[in-house]
Every structure is written in C-alpha cells, then in structure tokens.
Protein backbone atom coordinates (compact mmCIF):
# COMPACT_ATOMS: atom_id res chain seq x y z
CA MET A 1 16.38 15.74 -7.06
CA LYS A 2 13.00 17.24 -6.25
CA GLY A 3 10.53 14.71 -4.90
CA CYS A 4 13.19 12.01 -4.43
CA ILE A 5 12.34 11.39 -0.78
CA THR A 6 8.63 11.22 -1.56
CA LEU A 7 9.23 8.92 -4.51
CA CYS A 8 11.43 6.56 -2.51
CA PHE A 9 8.81 6.44 0.23
CA LEU A 10 6.14 5.71 -2.36
CA PHE A 11 8.20 2.90 -3.85
CA ILE A 12 8.72 1.24 -0.49
CA GLN A 13 5.04 1.63 0.32
CA VAL A 14 3.83 0.16 -2.97
CA ALA A 15 6.36 -2.64 -3.15
CA GLY A 16 6.13 -3.59 0.49
CA SER A 17 2.60 -3.24 1.77
CA SER A 18 0.39 -1.58 -0.84
CA GLN A 19 0.65 -4.58 -3.17
CA LEU A 20 -2.13 -5.88 -0.93
CA THR A 21 -4.87 -3.70 -2.33
CA ARG A 22 -8.33 -2.76 -1.09
CA ARG A 23 -9.66 -4.83 -3.98
CA GLU A 24 -7.81 -7.94 -2.76
CA ILE A 25 -8.86 -7.42 0.86
CA MET A 26 -12.52 -7.23 -0.12
CA GLU A 27 -12.65 -9.85 -2.88
CA LYS A 28 -10.61 -12.44 -1.00
CA LYS A 29 -12.30 -11.72 2.35
CA ILE A 30 -9.02 -11.05 4.14
CA LEU A 31 -9.42 -10.57 7.88
CA SER A 32 -5.78 -9.89 8.73
CA VAL A 33 -2.28 -9.76 7.28
CA GLU A 34 0.87 -10.35 9.30
CA ARG A 35 4.14 -9.03 7.87
CA THR A 36 7.37 -10.24 9.48
CA THR A 37 10.53 -8.44 8.34
CA TYR A 38 14.07 -9.83 8.51
CA ASN A 39 17.37 -8.09 7.79
CA LYS A 40 19.97 -9.35 5.32
CA THR A 41 21.44 -11.79 7.87
CA GLY A 42 18.03 -13.32 8.63
CA THR A 43 17.54 -11.64 11.99
CA LYS A 44 13.93 -10.82 12.75
CA MET A 45 13.41 -7.06 12.93
CA ASN A 46 9.70 -6.48 13.27
CA THR A 47 6.25 -8.04 12.99
CA GLN A 48 3.29 -5.92 11.97
CA LYS A 49 -0.24 -7.29 11.88
CA ASN A 50 -3.16 -5.42 10.35
CA TYR A 51 -6.83 -6.32 10.71
CA TYR A 52 -9.37 -5.11 8.16
CA SER A 53 -13.11 -4.58 8.04
CA ARG A 54 -15.19 -6.25 5.34
CA TYR A 55 -15.09 -2.87 3.57
CA GLY A 56 -11.34 -3.14 3.06
CA ALA A 57 -10.55 -0.52 5.70
CA ASP A 58 -8.12 -0.77 8.62
CA SER A 59 -9.60 -1.80 11.97
CA LEU A 60 -6.57 -2.64 14.15
CA GLU A 61 -2.78 -2.47 13.80
CA LEU A 62 -0.37 -4.41 16.00
CA ASN A 63 3.38 -3.88 16.18
CA ASN A 64 5.29 -6.84 17.65
CA ASN A 65 1.99 -8.06 19.13
CA GLU A 66 1.36 -4.75 20.87
CA PRO A 67 -1.60 -2.55 19.82
CA GLN A 68 -0.32 0.41 17.82
CA PHE A 69 -3.49 1.91 16.34
CA ARG A 70 -7.21 1.25 16.56
CA PHE A 71 -9.69 2.41 13.95
CA LYS A 72 -13.36 3.32 14.27
CA GLN A 73 -15.47 3.49 11.12
CA GLU A 74 -18.75 5.24 10.38
CA LEU A 75 -21.17 4.27 7.60
CA ASP A 76 -23.43 6.50 5.53
CA ASP A 77 -27.14 5.84 4.86
CA LYS A 78 -26.17 3.59 1.92
CA GLY A 79 -24.03 1.34 4.08
CA ARG A 80 -20.74 2.70 2.75
CA VAL A 81 -17.78 3.82 4.84
CA SER A 82 -17.99 7.60 5.29
CA GLN A 83 -15.27 8.22 7.85
CA ILE A 84 -12.60 6.36 9.80
CA MET A 85 -10.83 7.70 12.86
CA ARG A 86 -7.47 6.34 14.00
CA PHE A 87 -6.61 6.24 17.70
CA ASP A 88 -3.13 5.84 19.18
CA THR A 89 -2.13 3.78 22.22
CA ARG A 90 -3.31 6.58 24.54
CA GLY A 91 -6.76 6.49 22.96
CA LYS A 92 -6.20 9.86 21.29
CA ALA A 93 -7.55 10.40 17.76
CA ASP A 94 -4.55 11.34 15.63
CA GLU A 95 -5.80 10.74 12.08
CA THR A 96 -9.09 10.85 10.16
CA HIS A 97 -9.94 9.25 6.80
CA PHE A 98 -12.73 11.04 4.95
CA TYR A 99 -14.55 9.14 2.16
CA GLU A 100 -16.29 10.86 -0.75
CA TYR A 101 -18.18 8.93 -3.44
CA ASN A 102 -18.76 9.74 -7.11
CA GLU A 103 -20.62 7.81 -9.79
CA ASP A 104 -17.69 5.63 -10.87
CA SER A 105 -15.01 6.37 -8.25
CA TYR A 106 -14.42 7.41 -4.67
CA SER A 107 -11.71 9.23 -2.78
CA ILE A 108 -10.12 8.98 0.67
CA ASP A 109 -8.64 12.08 2.27
CA VAL A 110 -6.25 11.05 5.05
CA SER A 111 -5.73 13.93 7.46
CA SER A 112 -3.68 14.36 10.59
CA GLN A 113 -5.26 16.07 13.58
CA GLU A 114 -2.22 18.35 13.71
CA ALA A 115 -0.85 18.62 10.16
CA GLY A 116 -3.99 18.54 8.01
CA THR A 117 -4.16 16.47 4.81
CA LEU A 118 -1.35 13.91 4.57
CA TYR A 119 -2.37 12.34 1.27
CA PHE A 120 -5.42 11.99 -0.94
CA ASN A 121 -6.23 8.76 -2.81
CA THR A 122 -8.76 8.18 -5.58
CA TYR A 123 -10.06 4.67 -6.39
CA ASN A 124 -12.14 3.32 -9.27
CA ASN A 125 -15.28 1.26 -8.74
CA LYS A 126 -13.16 -1.93 -8.61
CA HIS A 127 -11.32 -0.49 -5.58
CA ASP A 128 -8.06 -0.06 -7.52
CA ARG A 129 -6.12 3.07 -6.59
CA ILE A 130 -5.76 5.37 -9.61
CA ILE A 131 -4.41 8.63 -8.16
CA GLU A 132 -2.40 9.52 -5.06
CA ILE A 133 -1.72 13.13 -4.10
CA GLN A 134 0.95 13.57 -1.42
CA SER A 135 1.33 17.30 -2.08
CA PRO A 136 0.44 19.68 -4.95
CA ALA A 137 3.87 18.92 -6.44
CA ASP A 138 3.68 15.16 -5.88
CA THR A 139 0.72 13.61 -7.67
CA PHE A 140 1.08 10.00 -8.77
CA TYR A 141 -1.07 8.17 -11.36
CA TYR A 142 -1.53 4.39 -11.07
CA SER A 143 -2.10 1.93 -13.90
CA THR A 144 -3.10 -1.67 -13.19
CA ASN A 145 -3.33 -4.91 -15.15
CA ASP A 146 -6.52 -6.95 -15.50
CA LEU A 147 -5.98 -8.48 -12.04
CA GLY A 148 -5.77 -5.09 -10.39
CA LYS A 149 -2.00 -5.32 -9.76
CA VAL A 150 -0.03 -2.10 -10.09
CA ALA A 151 1.65 -2.07 -13.51
CA LYS A 152 3.22 1.37 -13.29
CA ILE A 153 3.13 4.63 -11.40
CA SER A 154 3.53 7.86 -13.36
CA GLN A 155 4.09 11.50 -12.51
CA LYS A 156 3.86 14.69 -14.59
CA ASP A 157 7.17 16.48 -15.11
CA ALA A 158 6.93 19.84 -16.90
CA GLY A 159 3.59 18.74 -18.32
CA VAL A 160 4.92 15.40 -19.60
CA MET A 161 3.78 12.13 -18.02
CA LYS A 162 6.75 9.97 -17.01
CA ASP A 163 6.84 6.49 -15.50
CA VAL A 164 8.49 6.54 -12.06
CA VAL A 165 7.78 2.96 -10.95
CA VAL A 166 7.40 0.02 -13.35
CA THR A 167 6.36 -3.57 -12.56
CA GLU A 168 7.40 -6.79 -14.28
CA PHE A 169 4.87 -9.66 -14.17
CA ASP A 170 5.03 -13.45 -14.34
CA THR A 171 2.90 -15.49 -16.74
CA ARG A 172 0.02 -15.49 -14.23
CA GLY A 173 -0.12 -11.69 -14.20
CA PHE A 174 1.38 -11.38 -10.72
CA PRO A 175 4.19 -8.88 -9.93
CA VAL A 176 7.73 -10.26 -9.66
CA VAL A 177 9.87 -7.10 -9.84
CA MET A 178 9.19 -3.42 -9.15
CA ARG A 179 11.73 -0.79 -10.17
CA VAL A 180 12.09 2.93 -9.52
CA MET A 181 12.92 4.55 -12.86
CA ASP A 182 15.18 7.36 -11.62
CA GLY A 183 18.45 5.47 -11.51
CA SER A 184 17.85 4.08 -8.04
CA GLN A 185 20.13 1.25 -6.92
CA TYR A 186 17.18 -0.44 -5.23
CA LEU A 187 14.51 -2.77 -6.56
CA THR A 188 11.89 -5.04 -5.01
CA ARG A 189 11.30 -8.71 -5.83
CA LEU A 190 7.93 -10.28 -5.00
CA VAL A 191 6.63 -13.83 -4.69
CA TYR A 192 2.90 -14.47 -5.10
CA SER A 193 0.85 -17.50 -4.15
CA ASP A 194 -1.48 -19.23 -6.58
CA GLN A 195 -4.30 -17.38 -4.80
CA GLY A 196 -2.85 -14.11 -6.06
CA LEU A 197 -1.53 -12.80 -2.75
CA PRO A 198 2.03 -11.69 -1.91
CA VAL A 199 3.81 -14.15 0.39
CA GLU A 200 7.35 -12.75 0.23
CA VAL A 201 8.83 -9.36 -0.62
CA LYS A 202 12.57 -8.76 -0.91
CA ARG A 203 14.18 -5.34 -0.96
CA MET A 204 17.37 -5.60 -3.02
CA LYS A 205 20.31 -3.27 -3.69
CA LEU A 206 22.42 -3.33 -6.83
CA ILE A 207 26.14 -3.33 -6.07
CA ASN A 208 28.47 -3.72 -9.06
CA SER A 209 25.48 -5.02 -11.07
CA GLN A 210 24.86 -7.74 -8.46
CA GLU A 211 21.71 -7.89 -6.34
CA GLN A 212 22.23 -8.00 -2.59
CA LEU A 213 19.45 -8.58 -0.07
CA VAL A 214 18.58 -5.65 2.20
CA LEU A 215 15.26 -6.68 3.76
CA ARG A 216 12.93 -9.66 3.45
CA THR A 217 9.27 -9.59 4.48
CA VAL A 218 7.06 -12.68 4.83
CA TYR A 219 3.26 -12.41 4.67
CA THR A 220 0.69 -14.66 6.38
CA TYR A 221 -3.10 -14.30 6.22
CA GLU A 222 -6.35 -14.92 8.05
CA PHE A 223 -9.61 -15.00 6.09
CA ARG A 224 -13.21 -14.29 6.90
CA LYS A 225 -15.53 -17.28 6.94
CA ASN A 226 -18.43 -15.33 5.47
C-alpha cells in the first residue's frame, strides 16, 4: 500500500529511538544515550551512542565506539539554535538542520547536501513534536499525553484523519506498547524507569497470535551535572 515503507520506517523510529524526545533530553539534562541492540538469540548486534547539547540537539554519534557523525551548532542572537551541520567520518558536511521559530512553536528542516529536504519537523513550545513531513504525501500528526509521550500518530487519507500508530500506557503514563494500525504483524514493547526514561525496547512479531522477539534494545544514560 502507498506509504507503507515510510510508515514502517516511522514506526521503528518512534518506537525505537524517538521515544527519547527533545523535551526529555532538555528537562532531564541528558548528556548521552547508549543503545545496545541484540537479536532474538541474545547476540549483540550493534551499539550506538549519541551525545546531545543542552539544547536537545545532536552533538556526536558513535557506532560501535567509532565516530560516525559530528555535529556543529550555531546560535542566533537570542541564544537559540539556528543551524546544525552534520559531518561524516571524512569531515565532509552531509546534512544541515535549519531551525525556524514562531511565537508558540518552532520547526527543524533536515536537508541533505545532495538530496535536499529529507524531513521537516514542527515542535510546540514544550519541545514535543507535533508534525513530521517526510514528503508532500507523507505528513504525520503527533498527539502526546501530559508527560509528552507519543499517544498516537495520525495521517490524512482522502481528507480523513486516521490513526496509524497508537500507544498503550501504564498507570504512570509511560508507554508500554506501540502498534501500527495497518494490519502489521509487528509491535513494540517498551519498559520505562521510574525517572520516565526508556530502558528497554523490544521489537516483536505476531506469529499465529503469539509474540516472538525480533530485536531487543537496552538504553543507558549519562546526565549533565549542571
């Protein structure tokens, strides 16, 4: 179906890494997040570590302890991030993030040096993502709960808004299950700490109505002291 590949990518992105939001990074003073992924037999597949600035923006990405990308940020005259450039292992700028601020929201246009705009995100003044545009035909609308956790992602289909990803929460208001609402056989289960941060994410596949593990990712954190 149209947009299936984009939707599946979005689901993996939201369930896996984007559950750590800009709001969480800034409010909880997160310096870095390390994500270690294991396959269904428990074999370690990959470790990715991301460092963030105090503005909630990427500053360094490591893949299996090797530098993958470095980021350089620029601030405007109000002390806000105005632009971030990403550099690959050769020191070549391959991506630019352009920030634009409005009265009660701001947007980030992520553009490739070769392909132009890759996606366009809009955030509210609490730093919760509210809109993601991956292409003119693929615009996604985010709804969050009071804690800023993604409750659902919707998309317009023939002028009608339909939910494409829906989250189930525990009694604390933290996500425990995320489902793609297009008949997908996959779902994601999440475990949150009492501090409100994801510590484990499991990618599951439904086979004969039984859940089977596909991937498991464990999160560890470093925090800023001030």
